[in-house]
Amino acid sequence: MKVDTPQLENVTTGDLVAELNSRGHNPEDAKAEQIVSLIARRYGIDRTTLLTKHKEGKNVAAYLIRKCTELTWAELSDMLGYSDHTGAVYACKKGEQTYEAEGFSTIWGNTETKQ
């Protein structure tokens, strides 16, 4: 099932950040659900597809949620449906690679990993 928005495969991360800002949100303050929704829109899929079938998008979401929220590894794992926290740790590592490769870091900046 597609989201109710037009196909957004060509939407840049900058567009997503601009959308967050237009709603009064700073990317660093974005809540986990907002990040999941925005990443799903970035890939032109719905939230369920992102969390169940789209590894690359799910990994990016995991990485950004970890960077932008105070969720623990266990909470992140539960939210994204990993069997334990090690799945979330691995997803964040892979998500960071995609984050860098797709130019997310030039827009949202590089932040230090929470320990």
C-alpha atoms as a PDB file:
ATOM      1  CA  MET A   1       0.000   0.000   0.000  1.00  0.00           C
ATOM      2  CA  LYS A   2       1.408   3.363  -1.009  1.00  0.00           C
ATOM      3  CA  VAL A   3       1.154   6.483   1.105  1.00  0.00           C
ATOM      4  CA  ASP A   4      -1.377   9.116   0.050  1.00  0.00           C
ATOM      5  CA  THR A   5       1.345  11.356  -1.310  1.00  0.00           C
ATOM      6  CA  PRO A   6       2.718  11.266  -4.851  1.00  0.00           C
ATOM      7  CA  GLN A   7       5.768   9.140  -5.599  1.00  0.00           C
ATOM      8  CA  LEU A   8       8.678  10.706  -3.767  1.00  0.00           C
ATOM      9  CA  GLU A   9      11.656   8.693  -4.990  1.00  0.00           C
ATOM     10  CA  ASN A  10      13.198  11.893  -6.363  1.00  0.00           C
ATOM     11  CA  VAL A  11      12.565  13.950  -3.251  1.00  0.00           C
ATOM     12  CA  THR A  12      15.831  14.937  -1.639  1.00  0.00           C
ATOM     13  CA  THR A  13      16.690  14.748   2.001  1.00  0.00           C
ATOM     14  CA  GLY A  14      16.833  18.530   1.891  1.00  0.00           C
ATOM     15  CA  ASP A  15      13.150  18.536   0.953  1.00  0.00           C
ATOM     16  CA  LEU A  16      12.387  16.357   3.960  1.00  0.00           C
ATOM     17  CA  VAL A  17      14.368  18.605   6.281  1.00  0.00           C
ATOM     18  CA  ALA A  18      12.586  21.642   4.835  1.00  0.00           C
ATOM     19  CA  GLU A  19       9.276  19.896   5.534  1.00  0.00           C
ATOM     20  CA  LEU A  20      10.293  19.255   9.142  1.00  0.00           C
ATOM     21  CA  ASN A  21      11.383  22.868   9.518  1.00  0.00           C
ATOM     22  CA  SER A  22       8.151  24.161   7.961  1.00  0.00           C
ATOM     23  CA  ARG A  23       6.246  22.231  10.628  1.00  0.00           C
ATOM     24  CA  GLY A  24       8.313  23.896  13.323  1.00  0.00           C
ATOM     25  CA  HIS A  25      10.590  20.891  13.932  1.00  0.00           C
ATOM     26  CA  ASN A  26      14.339  20.889  14.053  1.00  0.00           C
ATOM     27  CA  PRO A  27      15.762  17.570  12.746  1.00  0.00           C
ATOM     28  CA  GLU A  28      17.603  17.063  16.039  1.00  0.00           C
ATOM     29  CA  ASP A  29      14.278  17.278  17.874  1.00  0.00           C
ATOM     30  CA  ALA A  30      12.369  15.031  15.514  1.00  0.00           C
ATOM     31  CA  LYS A  31      10.555  12.191  17.162  1.00  0.00           C
ATOM     32  CA  ALA A  32      11.153   8.614  16.110  1.00  0.00           C
ATOM     33  CA  GLU A  33       7.771   8.249  14.411  1.00  0.00           C
ATOM     34  CA  GLN A  34       8.337  11.412  12.396  1.00  0.00           C
ATOM     35  CA  ILE A  35      11.670  10.050  11.219  1.00  0.00           C
ATOM     36  CA  VAL A  36      10.109   6.741  10.185  1.00  0.00           C
ATOM     37  CA  SER A  37       7.369   8.577   8.270  1.00  0.00           C
ATOM     38  CA  LEU A  38       9.790  10.896   6.536  1.00  0.00           C
ATOM     39  CA  ILE A  39      12.155   8.099   5.534  1.00  0.00           C
ATOM     40  CA  ALA A  40       9.202   6.079   4.211  1.00  0.00           C
ATOM     41  CA  ARG A  41       8.126   9.082   2.137  1.00  0.00           C
ATOM     42  CA  ARG A  42      11.711   9.535   0.930  1.00  0.00           C
ATOM     43  CA  TYR A  43      11.598   6.023  -0.509  1.00  0.00           C
ATOM     44  CA  GLY A  44       8.013   6.361  -1.767  1.00  0.00           C
ATOM     45  CA  ILE A  45       6.623   3.594   0.439  1.00  0.00           C
ATOM     46  CA  ASP A  46       4.329   3.347   3.426  1.00  0.00           C
ATOM     47  CA  ARG A  47       5.480   2.881   7.020  1.00  0.00           C
ATOM     48  CA  THR A  48       4.642  -0.826   7.139  1.00  0.00           C
ATOM     49  CA  THR A  49       6.639  -1.588   4.014  1.00  0.00           C
ATOM     50  CA  LEU A  50       9.576   0.379   5.363  1.00  0.00           C
ATOM     51  CA  LEU A  51       9.574  -1.583   8.606  1.00  0.00           C
ATOM     52  CA  THR A  52       9.021  -5.008   7.055  1.00  0.00           C
ATOM     53  CA  LYS A  53      10.494  -5.130   3.560  1.00  0.00           C
ATOM     54  CA  HIS A  54      12.806  -2.197   2.918  1.00  0.00           C
ATOM     55  CA  LYS A  55      16.095  -2.896   4.702  1.00  0.00           C
ATOM     56  CA  GLU A  56      17.970   0.140   3.422  1.00  0.00           C
ATOM     57  CA  GLY A  57      15.270   2.577   4.507  1.00  0.00           C
ATOM     58  CA  LYS A  58      14.767   0.813   7.827  1.00  0.00           C
ATOM     59  CA  ASN A  59      18.509   0.986   8.488  1.00  0.00           C
ATOM     60  CA  VAL A  60      18.594   4.722   7.738  1.00  0.00           C
ATOM     61  CA  ALA A  61      15.591   5.238   9.999  1.00  0.00           C
ATOM     62  CA  ALA A  62      17.298   3.263  12.784  1.00  0.00           C
ATOM     63  CA  TYR A  63      20.449   5.339  12.401  1.00  0.00           C
ATOM     64  CA  LEU A  64      18.604   8.685  12.420  1.00  0.00           C
ATOM     65  CA  ILE A  65      16.381   7.701  15.330  1.00  0.00           C
ATOM     66  CA  ARG A  66      19.439   6.722  17.337  1.00  0.00           C
ATOM     67  CA  LYS A  67      21.116  10.027  16.468  1.00  0.00           C
ATOM     68  CA  CYS A  68      18.108  12.271  17.039  1.00  0.00           C
ATOM     69  CA  THR A  69      16.387  10.740  20.062  1.00  0.00           C
ATOM     70  CA  GLU A  70      17.208   9.410  23.479  1.00  0.00           C
ATOM     71  CA  LEU A  71      15.847   5.913  22.781  1.00  0.00           C
ATOM     72  CA  THR A  72      17.911   3.069  24.185  1.00  0.00           C
ATOM     73  CA  TRP A  73      19.093   0.218  21.973  1.00  0.00           C
ATOM     74  CA  ALA A  74      16.356  -1.989  23.438  1.00  0.00           C
ATOM     75  CA  GLU A  75      13.640   0.623  22.797  1.00  0.00           C
ATOM     76  CA  LEU A  76      14.877   1.166  19.249  1.00  0.00           C
ATOM     77  CA  SER A  77      14.927  -2.580  18.674  1.00  0.00           C
ATOM     78  CA  ASP A  78      11.352  -2.963  19.937  1.00  0.00           C
ATOM     79  CA  MET A  79      10.094  -0.033  17.872  1.00  0.00           C
ATOM     80  CA  LEU A  80      11.605  -1.278  14.621  1.00  0.00           C
ATOM     81  CA  GLY A  81      10.848  -4.963  15.179  1.00  0.00           C
ATOM     82  CA  TYR A  82      14.308  -6.419  15.686  1.00  0.00           C
ATOM     83  CA  SER A  83      14.539  -9.589  17.766  1.00  0.00           C
ATOM     84  CA  ASP A  84      17.037  -7.975  20.143  1.00  0.00           C
ATOM     85  CA  HIS A  85      19.247  -4.925  20.524  1.00  0.00           C
ATOM     86  CA  THR A  86      22.036  -6.370  18.378  1.00  0.00           C
ATOM     87  CA  GLY A  87      19.784  -6.106  15.320  1.00  0.00           C
ATOM     88  CA  ALA A  88      19.351  -2.401  15.989  1.00  0.00           C
ATOM     89  CA  VAL A  89      23.104  -1.928  16.483  1.00  0.00           C
ATOM     90  CA  TYR A  90      23.841  -3.639  13.161  1.00  0.00           C
ATOM     91  CA  ALA A  91      21.086  -1.673  11.373  1.00  0.00           C
ATOM     92  CA  CYS A  92      22.529   1.595  12.667  1.00  0.00           C
ATOM     93  CA  LYS A  93      25.970   0.717  11.306  1.00  0.00           C
ATOM     94  CA  LYS A  94      24.507  -0.104   7.895  1.00  0.00           C
ATOM     95  CA  GLY A  95      22.219   2.929   8.061  1.00  0.00           C
ATOM     96  CA  GLU A  96      25.190   5.182   8.701  1.00  0.00           C
ATOM     97  CA  GLN A  97      26.798   3.952   5.471  1.00  0.00           C
ATOM     98  CA  THR A  98      23.648   4.738   3.499  1.00  0.00           C
ATOM     99  CA  TYR A  99      23.294   8.056   5.332  1.00  0.00           C
ATOM    100  CA  GLU A 100      26.765   9.062   4.181  1.00  0.00           C
ATOM    101  CA  ALA A 101      26.387   7.636   0.654  1.00  0.00           C
ATOM    102  CA  GLU A 102      23.090   9.416  -0.018  1.00  0.00           C
ATOM    103  CA  GLY A 103      24.330  12.772   1.260  1.00  0.00           C
ATOM    104  CA  PHE A 104      22.113  12.891   4.341  1.00  0.00           C
ATOM    105  CA  SER A 105      25.103  14.031   6.398  1.00  0.00           C
ATOM    106  CA  THR A 106      25.579  17.195   4.356  1.00  0.00           C
ATOM    107  CA  ILE A 107      22.072  18.263   5.314  1.00  0.00           C
ATOM    108  CA  TRP A 108      21.450  16.881   8.805  1.00  0.00           C
ATOM    109  CA  GLY A 109      25.069  17.086   9.862  1.00  0.00           C
ATOM    110  CA  ASN A 110      27.341  14.624  11.555  1.00  0.00           C
ATOM    111  CA  THR A 111      26.523  13.991  15.178  1.00  0.00           C
ATOM    112  CA  GLU A 112      28.333  11.863  17.684  1.00  0.00           C
ATOM    113  CA  THR A 113      26.872   8.484  18.478  1.00  0.00           C
ATOM    114  CA  LYS A 114      25.122   8.235  21.833  1.00  0.00           C
ATOM    115  CA  GLN A 115      26.742   5.644  24.058  1.00  0.00           C
END
